[in-house]
């Protein structure tokens, strides 16, 4: 089977990571895949913020947990977070950002990394603390959160895929 199709079928979300930081080469490969996600009319509304600074990762985790009303780490100890944001002035910004997230997740698997989509980026970056982070990073305040792609080396092997449901496809 084609390697790409096999990767798409075998990728699973990772929720347990080793402490080891993702290499610059692997991170760059994942980010490049995100840059090549399709976007409406090729307008490239999303941007990505790659975070490997441990203090900033902890701050993002804390803000995300606060949105959930939890005190646990919603990033599962992942050492790298790619925050995907998009320009809401472009009509397809949600879809564009979601496609970037999909490319990031699939590329991470292809290069041997574990990954997971963590929600609540919109709420985090709508908050005063989130807006302050955008300002600190030099990102215009108009950008809205789409998702957080957590990355790292998986602490355990991925689970086997669940069987696909029988009525997944309708043919007309």
N, C-alpha and C. Protein backbone atom coordinates (compact mmCIF):
# COMPACT_ATOMS: atom_id res chain seq x y z
N UNK A 1 0.85 -1.20 0.00
CA UNK A 1 0.00 0.00 0.00
C UNK A 1 0.88 1.24 0.00
N UNK A 2 0.41 2.28 -0.60
CA UNK A 2 1.10 3.55 -0.63
C UNK A 2 1.43 4.01 0.79
N UNK A 3 2.65 4.52 1.00
CA UNK A 3 3.11 4.94 2.34
C UNK A 3 2.20 6.02 2.93
N UNK A 4 1.77 6.97 2.11
CA UNK A 4 0.89 8.04 2.61
C UNK A 4 -0.42 7.46 3.11
N UNK A 5 -1.01 6.57 2.32
CA UNK A 5 -2.29 5.98 2.75
C UNK A 5 -2.10 5.13 4.01
N UNK A 6 -1.01 4.42 4.10
CA UNK A 6 -0.73 3.62 5.30
C UNK A 6 -0.57 4.53 6.52
N UNK A 7 0.15 5.64 6.36
CA UNK A 7 0.29 6.60 7.47
C UNK A 7 -1.06 7.15 7.90
N UNK A 8 -1.92 7.48 6.95
CA UNK A 8 -3.24 8.01 7.28
C UNK A 8 -4.06 6.99 8.07
N UNK A 9 -3.92 5.73 7.72
CA UNK A 9 -4.69 4.68 8.40
C UNK A 9 -4.11 4.31 9.76
N UNK A 10 -2.82 4.51 9.97
CA UNK A 10 -2.19 4.05 11.21
C UNK A 10 -1.97 5.15 12.24
N UNK A 11 -2.17 6.42 11.90
CA UNK A 11 -1.96 7.51 12.86
C UNK A 11 -3.03 7.46 13.96
N UNK A 12 -2.60 7.65 15.18
CA UNK A 12 -3.50 7.72 16.33
C UNK A 12 -3.07 8.90 17.20
N UNK A 13 -4.01 9.42 17.95
CA UNK A 13 -3.68 10.49 18.90
C UNK A 13 -2.83 9.93 20.02
N UNK A 14 -1.86 10.71 20.43
CA UNK A 14 -0.93 10.32 21.50
C UNK A 14 -1.25 11.14 22.73
N UNK A 15 -1.36 10.46 23.87
CA UNK A 15 -1.66 11.16 25.12
C UNK A 15 -0.68 10.81 26.24
N UNK A 16 0.51 10.38 25.84
CA UNK A 16 1.59 10.13 26.81
C UNK A 16 2.91 10.32 26.08
N UNK A 17 3.70 11.27 26.56
CA UNK A 17 4.93 11.66 25.86
C UNK A 17 6.16 11.49 26.73
N UNK A 18 7.28 11.22 26.08
CA UNK A 18 8.57 11.24 26.75
C UNK A 18 8.96 12.71 26.95
N UNK A 19 9.84 12.97 27.91
CA UNK A 19 10.26 14.35 28.19
C UNK A 19 11.18 14.91 27.12
N UNK A 20 11.79 14.06 26.31
CA UNK A 20 12.75 14.48 25.28
C UNK A 20 12.12 15.45 24.28
N UNK A 21 12.83 16.54 24.02
CA UNK A 21 12.33 17.56 23.09
C UNK A 21 12.41 17.06 21.65
N UNK A 22 11.45 17.48 20.85
CA UNK A 22 11.41 17.18 19.42
C UNK A 22 12.61 17.86 18.75
N UNK A 23 13.23 17.16 17.81
CA UNK A 23 14.39 17.74 17.13
C UNK A 23 13.94 18.87 16.20
N UNK A 24 14.85 19.78 15.95
CA UNK A 24 14.56 20.91 15.06
C UNK A 24 14.21 20.41 13.65
N UNK A 25 14.91 19.39 13.18
CA UNK A 25 14.66 18.84 11.85
C UNK A 25 13.24 18.26 11.75
N UNK A 26 12.84 17.48 12.74
CA UNK A 26 11.50 16.90 12.71
C UNK A 26 10.43 17.99 12.81
N UNK A 27 10.65 18.95 13.70
CA UNK A 27 9.70 20.05 13.84
C UNK A 27 9.56 20.81 12.52
N UNK A 28 10.68 21.09 11.87
CA UNK A 28 10.63 21.81 10.59
C UNK A 28 9.88 21.02 9.53
N UNK A 29 10.03 19.71 9.51
CA UNK A 29 9.30 18.89 8.55
C UNK A 29 7.79 18.96 8.80
N UNK A 30 7.40 18.91 10.06
CA UNK A 30 5.98 18.99 10.41
C UNK A 30 5.42 20.37 10.04
N UNK A 31 6.17 21.42 10.38
CA UNK A 31 5.72 22.78 10.05
C UNK A 31 5.60 22.98 8.54
N UNK A 32 6.54 22.44 7.79
CA UNK A 32 6.47 22.56 6.33
C UNK A 32 5.22 21.89 5.80
N UNK A 33 4.87 20.74 6.34
CA UNK A 33 3.63 20.08 5.91
C UNK A 33 2.42 20.96 6.21
N UNK A 34 2.43 21.64 7.35
CA UNK A 34 1.34 22.56 7.67
C UNK A 34 1.22 23.69 6.67
N UNK A 35 2.37 24.16 6.19
CA UNK A 35 2.38 25.26 5.21
C UNK A 35 1.75 24.86 3.88
N UNK A 36 1.73 23.57 3.60
CA UNK A 36 1.22 23.10 2.31
C UNK A 36 -0.21 22.56 2.40
N UNK A 37 -0.88 22.82 3.50
CA UNK A 37 -2.29 22.44 3.60
C UNK A 37 -3.10 23.27 2.61
N UNK A 38 -4.13 22.69 2.03
CA UNK A 38 -4.98 23.49 1.14
C UNK A 38 -5.70 24.59 1.93
N UNK A 39 -5.90 25.72 1.29
CA UNK A 39 -6.68 26.81 1.89
C UNK A 39 -7.61 27.39 0.83
N UNK A 40 -8.71 27.95 1.27
CA UNK A 40 -9.69 28.52 0.35
C UNK A 40 -9.05 29.54 -0.57
N UNK A 41 -9.15 29.30 -1.86
CA UNK A 41 -8.62 30.19 -2.89
C UNK A 41 -7.12 30.45 -2.71
N UNK A 42 -6.44 29.55 -1.99
CA UNK A 42 -5.00 29.71 -1.79
C UNK A 42 -4.63 30.92 -0.95
N UNK A 43 -5.57 31.42 -0.13
CA UNK A 43 -5.34 32.67 0.61
C UNK A 43 -4.48 32.50 1.86
N UNK A 44 -4.24 31.27 2.28
CA UNK A 44 -3.33 30.99 3.39
C UNK A 44 -3.66 31.81 4.64
N UNK A 45 -4.90 31.70 5.10
CA UNK A 45 -5.32 32.46 6.28
C UNK A 45 -4.66 32.02 7.58
N UNK A 46 -4.24 30.75 7.74
CA UNK A 46 -3.65 30.36 9.03
C UNK A 46 -2.20 30.78 9.20
N UNK A 47 -1.79 30.81 10.46
CA UNK A 47 -0.39 30.93 10.84
C UNK A 47 -0.15 29.88 11.92
N UNK A 48 1.12 29.54 12.12
CA UNK A 48 1.49 28.58 13.15
C UNK A 48 2.53 29.22 14.06
N UNK A 49 2.38 28.97 15.35
CA UNK A 49 3.36 29.41 16.33
C UNK A 49 3.92 28.14 16.97
N UNK A 50 5.19 27.85 16.71
CA UNK A 50 5.85 26.67 17.26
C UNK A 50 6.45 27.03 18.62
N UNK A 51 6.02 26.33 19.65
CA UNK A 51 6.44 26.63 21.02
C UNK A 51 7.19 25.43 21.58
N UNK A 52 8.46 25.66 21.91
CA UNK A 52 9.26 24.63 22.56
C UNK A 52 9.83 25.11 23.89
N UNK A 53 9.67 26.36 24.20
CA UNK A 53 10.10 26.90 25.49
C UNK A 53 9.24 26.28 26.59
N UNK A 54 9.84 25.55 27.54
CA UNK A 54 9.05 24.85 28.56
C UNK A 54 8.14 25.76 29.38
N UNK A 55 8.57 26.96 29.69
CA UNK A 55 7.73 27.87 30.47
C UNK A 55 6.49 28.28 29.68
N UNK A 56 6.67 28.53 28.40
CA UNK A 56 5.53 28.93 27.56
C UNK A 56 4.59 27.77 27.34
N UNK A 57 5.13 26.56 27.16
CA UNK A 57 4.27 25.37 27.03
C UNK A 57 3.44 25.21 28.30
N UNK A 58 4.07 25.37 29.47
CA UNK A 58 3.33 25.25 30.74
C UNK A 58 2.24 26.32 30.85
N UNK A 59 2.56 27.55 30.40
CA UNK A 59 1.56 28.63 30.45
C UNK A 59 0.38 28.32 29.53
N UNK A 60 0.66 27.84 28.33
CA UNK A 60 -0.42 27.47 27.41
C UNK A 60 -1.27 26.34 28.00
N UNK A 61 -0.62 25.38 28.62
CA UNK A 61 -1.33 24.27 29.25
C UNK A 61 -2.23 24.78 30.38
N UNK A 62 -1.70 25.68 31.20
CA UNK A 62 -2.47 26.23 32.31
C UNK A 62 -3.70 26.98 31.81
N UNK A 63 -3.51 27.80 30.78
CA UNK A 63 -4.63 28.57 30.22
C UNK A 63 -5.68 27.63 29.62
N UNK A 64 -5.21 26.59 28.94
CA UNK A 64 -6.13 25.63 28.33
C UNK A 64 -6.90 24.87 29.41
N UNK A 65 -6.22 24.46 30.46
CA UNK A 65 -6.88 23.75 31.56
C UNK A 65 -7.92 24.64 32.23
N UNK A 66 -7.60 25.92 32.37
CA UNK A 66 -8.55 26.85 32.99
C UNK A 66 -9.85 26.93 32.20
N UNK A 67 -9.75 26.92 30.86
CA UNK A 67 -10.95 26.93 30.04
C UNK A 67 -11.80 25.70 30.34
N UNK A 68 -11.16 24.56 30.55
CA UNK A 68 -11.86 23.31 30.86
C UNK A 68 -12.37 23.25 32.29
N UNK A 69 -11.86 24.12 33.14
CA UNK A 69 -12.19 24.03 34.55
C UNK A 69 -11.45 22.88 35.22
N UNK A 70 -10.25 22.58 34.72
CA UNK A 70 -9.47 21.46 35.23
C UNK A 70 -8.12 21.95 35.75
N UNK A 71 -7.45 21.09 36.50
CA UNK A 71 -6.11 21.43 36.98
C UNK A 71 -5.07 20.48 36.40
N UNK A 72 -5.48 19.52 35.58
CA UNK A 72 -4.54 18.58 34.97
C UNK A 72 -3.93 19.20 33.70
N UNK A 73 -2.91 18.56 33.17
CA UNK A 73 -2.22 19.04 31.98
C UNK A 73 -2.94 18.55 30.72
N UNK A 74 -3.67 19.41 30.03
CA UNK A 74 -4.36 18.97 28.81
C UNK A 74 -3.41 18.68 27.66
N UNK A 75 -2.12 19.00 27.83
CA UNK A 75 -1.13 18.72 26.79
C UNK A 75 -0.36 17.42 27.07
N UNK A 76 -0.74 16.70 28.11
CA UNK A 76 -0.21 15.36 28.40
C UNK A 76 1.31 15.31 28.47
N UNK A 77 1.94 16.40 28.88
CA UNK A 77 3.39 16.40 29.01
C UNK A 77 4.14 16.56 27.70
N UNK A 78 3.46 16.88 26.62
CA UNK A 78 4.14 17.06 25.33
C UNK A 78 5.11 18.23 25.42
N UNK A 79 6.32 18.08 24.90
CA UNK A 79 7.31 19.15 25.01
C UNK A 79 7.17 20.24 23.96
N UNK A 80 6.38 19.99 22.90
CA UNK A 80 6.22 20.96 21.83
C UNK A 80 4.74 21.18 21.55
N UNK A 81 4.38 22.43 21.32
CA UNK A 81 3.01 22.78 20.93
C UNK A 81 3.09 23.66 19.70
N UNK A 82 2.32 23.30 18.69
CA UNK A 82 2.15 24.19 17.54
C UNK A 82 0.75 24.77 17.64
N UNK A 83 0.68 26.06 17.88
CA UNK A 83 -0.60 26.75 17.96
C UNK A 83 -0.97 27.19 16.55
N UNK A 84 -2.16 26.78 16.10
CA UNK A 84 -2.65 27.20 14.79
C UNK A 84 -3.70 28.28 15.02
N UNK A 85 -3.47 29.41 14.39
CA UNK A 85 -4.38 30.56 14.45
C UNK A 85 -4.74 30.92 13.02
N UNK A 86 -5.83 31.65 12.84
CA UNK A 86 -6.21 32.04 11.49
C UNK A 86 -6.88 33.40 11.50
N UNK A 87 -6.85 34.02 10.33
CA UNK A 87 -7.39 35.36 10.14
C UNK A 87 -8.90 35.27 9.88
N UNK A 88 -9.73 35.71 10.84
CA UNK A 88 -11.18 35.58 10.68
C UNK A 88 -11.78 36.48 9.61
N UNK A 89 -10.97 37.36 9.03
CA UNK A 89 -11.47 38.20 7.94
C UNK A 89 -11.56 37.42 6.63
N UNK A 90 -10.99 36.21 6.62
CA UNK A 90 -11.07 35.34 5.44
C UNK A 90 -12.16 34.30 5.73
N UNK A 91 -13.13 34.22 4.87
CA UNK A 91 -14.32 33.40 5.10
C UNK A 91 -14.07 31.94 5.40
N UNK A 92 -12.98 31.39 4.92
CA UNK A 92 -12.70 29.96 5.13
C UNK A 92 -11.67 29.72 6.23
N UNK A 93 -11.52 30.67 7.14
CA UNK A 93 -10.43 30.56 8.12
C UNK A 93 -10.53 29.31 8.99
N UNK A 94 -11.73 28.92 9.41
CA UNK A 94 -11.86 27.72 10.25
C UNK A 94 -11.46 26.47 9.49
N UNK A 95 -11.97 26.37 8.27
CA UNK A 95 -11.65 25.21 7.45
C UNK A 95 -10.16 25.19 7.11
N UNK A 96 -9.60 26.35 6.77
CA UNK A 96 -8.18 26.45 6.44
C UNK A 96 -7.33 26.00 7.63
N UNK A 97 -7.64 26.50 8.81
CA UNK A 97 -6.88 26.13 10.00
C UNK A 97 -7.03 24.66 10.34
N UNK A 98 -8.22 24.12 10.12
CA UNK A 98 -8.44 22.69 10.37
C UNK A 98 -7.62 21.83 9.43
N UNK A 99 -7.50 22.25 8.18
CA UNK A 99 -6.67 21.50 7.24
C UNK A 99 -5.19 21.58 7.63
N UNK A 100 -4.75 22.71 8.12
CA UNK A 100 -3.37 22.82 8.62
C UNK A 100 -3.19 21.84 9.77
N UNK A 101 -4.12 21.82 10.71
CA UNK A 101 -4.02 20.89 11.84
C UNK A 101 -3.93 19.45 11.35
N UNK A 102 -4.75 19.08 10.37
CA UNK A 102 -4.71 17.72 9.84
C UNK A 102 -3.36 17.39 9.25
N UNK A 103 -2.81 18.33 8.48
CA UNK A 103 -1.48 18.09 7.90
C UNK A 103 -0.43 17.94 8.99
N UNK A 104 -0.51 18.76 10.04
CA UNK A 104 0.47 18.66 11.13
C UNK A 104 0.41 17.29 11.80
N UNK A 105 -0.80 16.83 12.09
CA UNK A 105 -0.98 15.54 12.76
C UNK A 105 -0.45 14.40 11.90
N UNK A 106 -0.79 14.42 10.63
CA UNK A 106 -0.35 13.34 9.74
C UNK A 106 1.16 13.39 9.48
N UNK A 107 1.71 14.57 9.34
CA UNK A 107 3.16 14.70 9.13
C UNK A 107 3.92 14.25 10.37
N UNK A 108 3.41 14.58 11.55
CA UNK A 108 4.07 14.15 12.78
C UNK A 108 4.20 12.63 12.79
N UNK A 109 3.12 11.95 12.47
CA UNK A 109 3.16 10.48 12.43
C UNK A 109 4.16 10.00 11.39
N UNK A 110 4.18 10.63 10.24
CA UNK A 110 5.07 10.21 9.15
C UNK A 110 6.55 10.32 9.54
N UNK A 111 6.89 11.27 10.42
CA UNK A 111 8.30 11.42 10.83
C UNK A 111 8.59 10.74 12.16
N UNK A 112 7.62 10.00 12.70
CA UNK A 112 7.86 9.23 13.91
C UNK A 112 7.53 9.91 15.21
N UNK A 113 6.73 10.96 15.17
CA UNK A 113 6.34 11.68 16.38
C UNK A 113 4.91 11.33 16.77
N UNK A 114 4.62 11.46 18.05
CA UNK A 114 3.25 11.38 18.52
C UNK A 114 2.65 12.77 18.49
N UNK A 115 1.33 12.84 18.30
CA UNK A 115 0.66 14.14 18.24
C UNK A 115 -0.79 13.99 18.67
N UNK A 116 -1.41 15.11 18.97
CA UNK A 116 -2.83 15.13 19.31
C UNK A 116 -3.35 16.55 19.10
N UNK A 117 -4.57 16.66 18.61
CA UNK A 117 -5.26 17.95 18.47
C UNK A 117 -5.88 18.26 19.82
N UNK A 118 -5.49 19.37 20.40
CA UNK A 118 -6.07 19.82 21.67
C UNK A 118 -6.90 21.07 21.37
N UNK A 119 -8.16 21.00 21.72
CA UNK A 119 -9.09 22.10 21.45
C UNK A 119 -8.89 23.26 22.44
N UNK A 120 -9.77 24.20 22.40
CA UNK A 120 -9.85 25.37 23.28
C UNK A 120 -8.85 26.47 22.95
N UNK A 121 -8.23 26.41 21.78
CA UNK A 121 -7.33 27.50 21.36
C UNK A 121 -8.12 28.79 21.17
N UNK A 122 -9.33 28.69 20.65
CA UNK A 122 -10.13 29.90 20.45
C UNK A 122 -10.37 30.61 21.77
N UNK A 123 -10.79 29.85 22.78
CA UNK A 123 -11.07 30.46 24.08
C UNK A 123 -9.80 31.02 24.73
N UNK A 124 -8.71 30.29 24.62
CA UNK A 124 -7.45 30.77 25.21
C UNK A 124 -7.04 32.10 24.59
N UNK A 125 -7.10 32.19 23.25
CA UNK A 125 -6.61 33.41 22.60
C UNK A 125 -7.65 34.51 22.51
N UNK A 126 -8.86 34.24 23.01
CA UNK A 126 -9.85 35.29 23.22
C UNK A 126 -9.67 35.94 24.59
N UNK A 127 -8.93 35.29 25.48
CA UNK A 127 -8.75 35.78 26.85
C UNK A 127 -7.69 36.89 26.88
N UNK A 128 -7.71 37.72 27.91
CA UNK A 128 -6.67 38.75 28.04
C UNK A 128 -5.26 38.16 28.05
N UNK A 129 -5.06 37.02 28.73
CA UNK A 129 -3.74 36.39 28.78
C UNK A 129 -3.33 35.89 27.39
N UNK A 130 -4.28 35.32 26.66
CA UNK A 130 -4.00 34.86 25.31
C UNK A 130 -3.65 36.02 24.39
N UNK A 131 -4.40 37.11 24.51
CA UNK A 131 -4.10 38.30 23.70
C UNK A 131 -2.71 38.84 24.03
N UNK A 132 -2.33 38.77 25.31
CA UNK A 132 -0.98 39.23 25.71
C UNK A 132 0.09 38.34 25.08
N UNK A 133 -0.16 37.03 25.00
CA UNK A 133 0.80 36.14 24.34
C UNK A 133 0.93 36.48 22.86
N UNK A 134 -0.20 36.71 22.20
CA UNK A 134 -0.14 37.09 20.78
C UNK A 134 0.71 38.33 20.60
N UNK A 135 0.49 39.32 21.46
CA UNK A 135 1.26 40.57 21.36
C UNK A 135 2.75 40.30 21.58
N UNK A 136 3.07 39.50 22.59
CA UNK A 136 4.46 39.14 22.89
C UNK A 136 5.12 38.44 21.70
N UNK A 137 4.35 37.60 21.01
CA UNK A 137 4.87 36.85 19.86
C UNK A 137 4.89 37.66 18.57
N UNK A 138 4.30 38.86 18.58
CA UNK A 138 4.26 39.68 17.37
C UNK A 138 3.16 39.27 16.41
N UNK A 139 2.13 38.58 16.93
CA UNK A 139 1.00 38.13 16.11
C UNK A 139 -0.12 39.16 16.24
N UNK A 140 -0.67 39.64 15.12
CA UNK A 140 -1.77 40.59 15.20
C UNK A 140 -2.94 40.04 16.03
N UNK A 141 -3.54 40.90 16.83
CA UNK A 141 -4.61 40.51 17.75
C UNK A 141 -5.83 39.93 17.04
N UNK A 142 -6.01 40.25 15.76
CA UNK A 142 -7.19 39.77 15.04
C UNK A 142 -7.21 38.25 14.87
N UNK A 143 -6.06 37.59 14.95
CA UNK A 143 -6.00 36.14 14.74
C UNK A 143 -6.75 35.41 15.85
N UNK A 144 -7.45 34.34 15.45
CA UNK A 144 -8.21 33.53 16.40
C UNK A 144 -7.64 32.12 16.45
N UNK A 145 -7.76 31.50 17.60
CA UNK A 145 -7.24 30.15 17.79
C UNK A 145 -8.09 29.11 17.07
N UNK A 146 -7.42 28.20 16.40
CA UNK A 146 -8.07 27.07 15.74
C UNK A 146 -7.81 25.79 16.53
N UNK A 147 -6.57 25.54 16.89
CA UNK A 147 -6.24 24.33 17.63
C UNK A 147 -4.79 24.35 18.08
N UNK A 148 -4.48 23.43 18.97
CA UNK A 148 -3.12 23.21 19.46
C UNK A 148 -2.70 21.82 19.02
N UNK A 149 -1.63 21.73 18.28
CA UNK A 149 -1.09 20.42 17.89
C UNK A 149 0.07 20.14 18.85
N UNK A 150 -0.16 19.20 19.77
CA UNK A 150 0.92 18.83 20.69
C UNK A 150 1.77 17.76 20.02
N UNK A 151 3.09 17.85 20.24
CA UNK A 151 4.04 16.95 19.59
C UNK A 151 5.06 16.44 20.60
N UNK A 152 5.52 15.24 20.34
CA UNK A 152 6.61 14.68 21.12
C UNK A 152 6.83 13.24 20.72
N UNK A 153 7.73 12.60 21.44
CA UNK A 153 7.99 11.18 21.21
C UNK A 153 7.04 10.39 22.11
N UNK A 154 6.30 9.49 21.52
CA UNK A 154 5.31 8.72 22.26
C UNK A 154 5.97 7.89 23.36
N UNK A 155 5.35 7.89 24.53
CA UNK A 155 5.86 7.12 25.66
C UNK A 155 5.46 5.66 25.57
N UNK A 156 4.47 5.36 24.75
CA UNK A 156 4.00 3.99 24.57
C UNK A 156 3.48 3.81 23.16
N UNK A 157 3.44 2.57 22.69
CA UNK A 157 2.96 2.34 21.32
C UNK A 157 1.49 2.75 21.17
N UNK A 158 1.14 3.15 19.97
CA UNK A 158 -0.24 3.55 19.69
C UNK A 158 -1.16 2.33 19.75
N UNK A 159 -2.38 2.57 20.16
CA UNK A 159 -3.39 1.52 20.20
C UNK A 159 -3.79 1.14 18.78
N UNK A 160 -4.31 -0.05 18.64
CA UNK A 160 -4.82 -0.48 17.33
C UNK A 160 -6.05 0.34 16.99
N UNK A 161 -6.28 0.59 15.71
CA UNK A 161 -7.46 1.37 15.33
C UNK A 161 -8.75 0.61 15.63
N UNK A 162 -9.78 1.36 15.97
CA UNK A 162 -11.11 0.78 16.13
C UNK A 162 -11.64 0.43 14.75
N UNK A 163 -12.47 -0.59 14.66
CA UNK A 163 -13.09 -0.89 13.36
C UNK A 163 -13.90 0.32 12.87
N UNK A 164 -13.90 0.54 11.58
CA UNK A 164 -14.67 1.63 11.01
C UNK A 164 -16.15 1.25 10.99
N UNK A 165 -17.03 2.21 11.24
CA UNK A 165 -18.46 1.94 11.29
C UNK A 165 -18.97 1.53 9.90
N UNK A 166 -20.00 0.74 9.89
CA UNK A 166 -20.52 0.17 8.64
C UNK A 166 -21.13 1.23 7.72
N UNK A 167 -21.71 2.26 8.28
CA UNK A 167 -22.42 3.26 7.45
C UNK A 167 -21.59 4.53 7.27
N UNK A 168 -20.28 4.38 7.21
CA UNK A 168 -19.39 5.54 7.03
C UNK A 168 -19.56 6.16 5.65
N UNK A 169 -19.81 5.35 4.65
CA UNK A 169 -19.85 5.82 3.26
C UNK A 169 -21.22 5.56 2.66
N UNK A 170 -21.76 6.57 2.04
CA UNK A 170 -22.96 6.43 1.21
C UNK A 170 -22.56 6.70 -0.21
N UNK A 171 -22.93 5.84 -1.11
CA UNK A 171 -22.60 6.03 -2.53
C UNK A 171 -23.89 6.36 -3.28
N UNK A 172 -23.81 7.35 -4.11
CA UNK A 172 -24.98 7.78 -4.89
C UNK A 172 -24.66 7.64 -6.37
